[in-house]
Amino acid sequence: MTGHGGRRRSAGITPSRETGMHQLRYHYASVLLDAGVSIRALADYLGHTDRGSPCGCTPT
């Protein structure tokens, strides 16, 4: 069985932070925020423990 990186490579996508799990989490968080989920609820859902900084990055 081929891992996720192997599947991306065979599709011509170079595995990286921009094409992996980090990007998927970022996209999912953006979709939930756009749908009206609060940052606090999103932070809890994603498992963030630092309440002072639930996202660590600013969407553009």
Foldseek 3Di string as FASTA:
>chain_A
DDDPQVVCVVVVHHDDCCPDDVVVLVVVLVVVVVVPDDLVVSLVVVVNDDPVPSDVDDDD
